[in-house]
Amino acid sequence: ALLQAALGDVAKAVGMTEVSRRTGLGRESLYKALSANSAVSFKTVAKVAAALGARIEFAAVEQPV
């Protein structure tokens, strides 16, 4: 939810019209997907992140012994 909200804030700062153009998603869909209580798909989050020049990366973390 925190990532979703942060992407929403950045997308609004860049301009939803521009982010919509870059992602191929409708502006209204973006507003809804990036709202606080939305069950957005990871695919949408990844598209928005990429459109904003960000990368989401997962890495294994070593557990202490």
N, C-alpha and C. Protein backbone atom coordinates (compact mmCIF):
# COMPACT_ATOMS: atom_id res chain seq x y z
N ALA A 1 0.83 -1.20 0.00
CA ALA A 1 0.00 0.00 0.00
C ALA A 1 0.88 1.26 0.00
N LEU A 2 2.00 1.20 0.71
CA LEU A 2 2.89 2.35 0.77
C LEU A 2 3.51 2.63 -0.60
N LEU A 3 3.95 1.58 -1.27
CA LEU A 3 4.51 1.72 -2.62
C LEU A 3 3.46 2.28 -3.57
N GLN A 4 2.26 1.77 -3.46
CA GLN A 4 1.14 2.20 -4.30
C GLN A 4 0.88 3.70 -4.09
N ALA A 5 0.84 4.13 -2.85
CA ALA A 5 0.60 5.54 -2.54
C ALA A 5 1.74 6.42 -3.04
N ALA A 6 2.98 5.96 -2.86
CA ALA A 6 4.14 6.73 -3.31
C ALA A 6 4.13 6.88 -4.83
N LEU A 7 3.83 5.80 -5.54
CA LEU A 7 3.75 5.88 -7.00
C LEU A 7 2.64 6.83 -7.42
N GLY A 8 1.53 6.81 -6.69
CA GLY A 8 0.43 7.72 -6.99
C GLY A 8 0.85 9.17 -6.83
N ASP A 9 1.58 9.47 -5.77
CA ASP A 9 2.06 10.84 -5.54
C ASP A 9 3.01 11.29 -6.65
N VAL A 10 3.94 10.42 -7.02
CA VAL A 10 4.89 10.76 -8.08
C VAL A 10 4.17 10.90 -9.42
N ALA A 11 3.23 10.00 -9.69
CA ALA A 11 2.48 10.07 -10.95
C ALA A 11 1.70 11.38 -11.05
N LYS A 12 1.12 11.82 -9.94
CA LYS A 12 0.40 13.09 -9.94
C LYS A 12 1.35 14.26 -10.18
N ALA A 13 2.55 14.17 -9.61
CA ALA A 13 3.53 15.24 -9.80
C ALA A 13 4.01 15.31 -11.25
N VAL A 14 4.19 14.15 -11.86
CA VAL A 14 4.61 14.10 -13.28
C VAL A 14 3.45 14.53 -14.17
N GLY A 15 2.25 14.13 -13.78
CA GLY A 15 1.04 14.41 -14.57
C GLY A 15 0.42 13.10 -15.01
N MET A 16 -0.80 12.86 -14.58
CA MET A 16 -1.46 11.60 -14.91
C MET A 16 -1.65 11.42 -16.41
N THR A 17 -1.83 12.51 -17.13
CA THR A 17 -1.98 12.40 -18.58
C THR A 17 -0.71 11.83 -19.20
N GLU A 18 0.44 12.32 -18.75
CA GLU A 18 1.72 11.83 -19.26
C GLU A 18 1.96 10.38 -18.85
N VAL A 19 1.67 10.04 -17.61
CA VAL A 19 1.85 8.66 -17.14
C VAL A 19 0.89 7.74 -17.89
N SER A 20 -0.31 8.22 -18.14
CA SER A 20 -1.28 7.44 -18.92
C SER A 20 -0.74 7.15 -20.32
N ARG A 21 -0.16 8.16 -20.93
CA ARG A 21 0.41 7.98 -22.27
C ARG A 21 1.55 6.96 -22.24
N ARG A 22 2.41 7.06 -21.25
CA ARG A 22 3.57 6.18 -21.16
C ARG A 22 3.18 4.72 -20.85
N THR A 23 2.12 4.54 -20.08
CA THR A 23 1.73 3.18 -19.68
C THR A 23 0.71 2.54 -20.62
N GLY A 24 -0.02 3.37 -21.34
CA GLY A 24 -1.10 2.85 -22.17
C GLY A 24 -2.37 2.59 -21.38
N LEU A 25 -2.41 3.05 -20.13
CA LEU A 25 -3.59 2.89 -19.27
C LEU A 25 -4.35 4.21 -19.23
N GLY A 26 -5.66 4.13 -19.07
CA GLY A 26 -6.47 5.34 -18.99
C GLY A 26 -6.20 6.13 -17.72
N ARG A 27 -6.35 7.45 -17.81
CA ARG A 27 -6.14 8.31 -16.64
C ARG A 27 -7.01 7.90 -15.47
N GLU A 28 -8.29 7.66 -15.76
CA GLU A 28 -9.22 7.29 -14.69
C GLU A 28 -8.80 5.97 -14.05
N SER A 29 -8.34 5.04 -14.88
CA SER A 29 -7.87 3.75 -14.36
C SER A 29 -6.66 3.93 -13.46
N LEU A 30 -5.78 4.84 -13.83
CA LEU A 30 -4.59 5.10 -13.02
C LEU A 30 -4.97 5.71 -11.67
N TYR A 31 -5.87 6.69 -11.70
CA TYR A 31 -6.30 7.30 -10.43
C TYR A 31 -6.89 6.23 -9.52
N LYS A 32 -7.73 5.36 -10.08
CA LYS A 32 -8.36 4.31 -9.28
C LYS A 32 -7.32 3.31 -8.79
N ALA A 33 -6.42 2.87 -9.67
CA ALA A 33 -5.41 1.86 -9.30
C ALA A 33 -4.45 2.38 -8.23
N LEU A 34 -4.17 3.66 -8.24
CA LEU A 34 -3.19 4.21 -7.31
C LEU A 34 -3.83 4.86 -6.08
N SER A 35 -5.13 4.65 -5.92
CA SER A 35 -5.80 5.16 -4.72
C SER A 35 -5.51 4.23 -3.54
N ALA A 36 -5.73 4.74 -2.37
CA ALA A 36 -5.33 4.05 -1.14
C ALA A 36 -5.96 2.67 -0.96
N ASN A 37 -7.21 2.50 -1.27
CA ASN A 37 -7.90 1.25 -0.97
C ASN A 37 -8.12 0.36 -2.18
N SER A 38 -7.32 0.54 -3.20
CA SER A 38 -7.46 -0.23 -4.42
C SER A 38 -6.66 -1.53 -4.36
N ALA A 39 -7.22 -2.58 -4.93
CA ALA A 39 -6.51 -3.86 -5.04
C ALA A 39 -5.87 -3.91 -6.42
N VAL A 40 -4.79 -3.19 -6.57
CA VAL A 40 -4.12 -3.07 -7.87
C VAL A 40 -3.24 -4.29 -8.12
N SER A 41 -3.10 -4.66 -9.39
CA SER A 41 -2.24 -5.79 -9.73
C SER A 41 -0.78 -5.36 -9.74
N PHE A 42 0.09 -6.32 -9.53
CA PHE A 42 1.52 -6.02 -9.56
C PHE A 42 1.93 -5.56 -10.96
N LYS A 43 1.29 -6.11 -11.97
CA LYS A 43 1.59 -5.73 -13.36
C LYS A 43 1.37 -4.23 -13.56
N THR A 44 0.28 -3.70 -13.02
CA THR A 44 -0.01 -2.27 -13.13
C THR A 44 1.01 -1.45 -12.36
N VAL A 45 1.35 -1.89 -11.16
CA VAL A 45 2.36 -1.18 -10.36
C VAL A 45 3.69 -1.16 -11.11
N ALA A 46 4.07 -2.27 -11.71
CA ALA A 46 5.33 -2.35 -12.46
C ALA A 46 5.30 -1.43 -13.67
N LYS A 47 4.16 -1.36 -14.38
CA LYS A 47 4.03 -0.47 -15.54
C LYS A 47 4.19 0.99 -15.13
N VAL A 48 3.54 1.36 -14.04
CA VAL A 48 3.62 2.74 -13.57
C VAL A 48 5.04 3.06 -13.13
N ALA A 49 5.65 2.16 -12.39
CA ALA A 49 7.03 2.37 -11.95
C ALA A 49 7.96 2.57 -13.14
N ALA A 50 7.82 1.72 -14.14
CA ALA A 50 8.66 1.83 -15.33
C ALA A 50 8.41 3.16 -16.05
N ALA A 51 7.17 3.57 -16.12
CA ALA A 51 6.83 4.83 -16.78
C ALA A 51 7.43 6.03 -16.05
N LEU A 52 7.66 5.86 -14.76
CA LEU A 52 8.24 6.94 -13.95
C LEU A 52 9.76 6.83 -13.85
N GLY A 53 10.33 5.85 -14.54
CA GLY A 53 11.78 5.69 -14.53
C GLY A 53 12.30 4.93 -13.32
N ALA A 54 11.42 4.22 -12.65
CA ALA A 54 11.83 3.44 -11.47
C ALA A 54 11.87 1.96 -11.82
N ARG A 55 12.56 1.21 -11.00
CA ARG A 55 12.66 -0.23 -11.19
C ARG A 55 12.34 -0.90 -9.87
N ILE A 56 11.53 -1.92 -9.92
CA ILE A 56 11.22 -2.71 -8.73
C ILE A 56 12.04 -3.97 -8.82
N GLU A 57 12.80 -4.22 -7.79
CA GLU A 57 13.70 -5.37 -7.80
C GLU A 57 13.56 -6.15 -6.50
N PHE A 58 13.56 -7.46 -6.62
CA PHE A 58 13.50 -8.33 -5.46
C PHE A 58 14.83 -9.05 -5.34
N ALA A 59 15.30 -9.21 -4.13
CA ALA A 59 16.56 -9.90 -3.90
C ALA A 59 16.43 -10.75 -2.65
N ALA A 60 17.08 -11.88 -2.68
CA ALA A 60 17.09 -12.76 -1.52
C ALA A 60 17.91 -12.10 -0.41
N VAL A 61 17.44 -12.24 0.79
CA VAL A 61 18.15 -11.69 1.95
C VAL A 61 18.65 -12.86 2.77
N GLU A 62 19.93 -12.84 3.07
CA GLU A 62 20.49 -13.93 3.88
C GLU A 62 19.96 -13.82 5.30
N GLN A 63 19.54 -14.95 5.81
CA GLN A 63 19.04 -14.99 7.18
C GLN A 63 20.22 -15.24 8.13
N PRO A 64 20.25 -14.54 9.24
CA PRO A 64 21.34 -14.77 10.21
C PRO A 64 21.27 -16.19 10.77
N VAL A 65 22.41 -16.76 11.04
CA VAL A 65 22.47 -18.13 11.54
C VAL A 65 22.44 -18.17 13.04
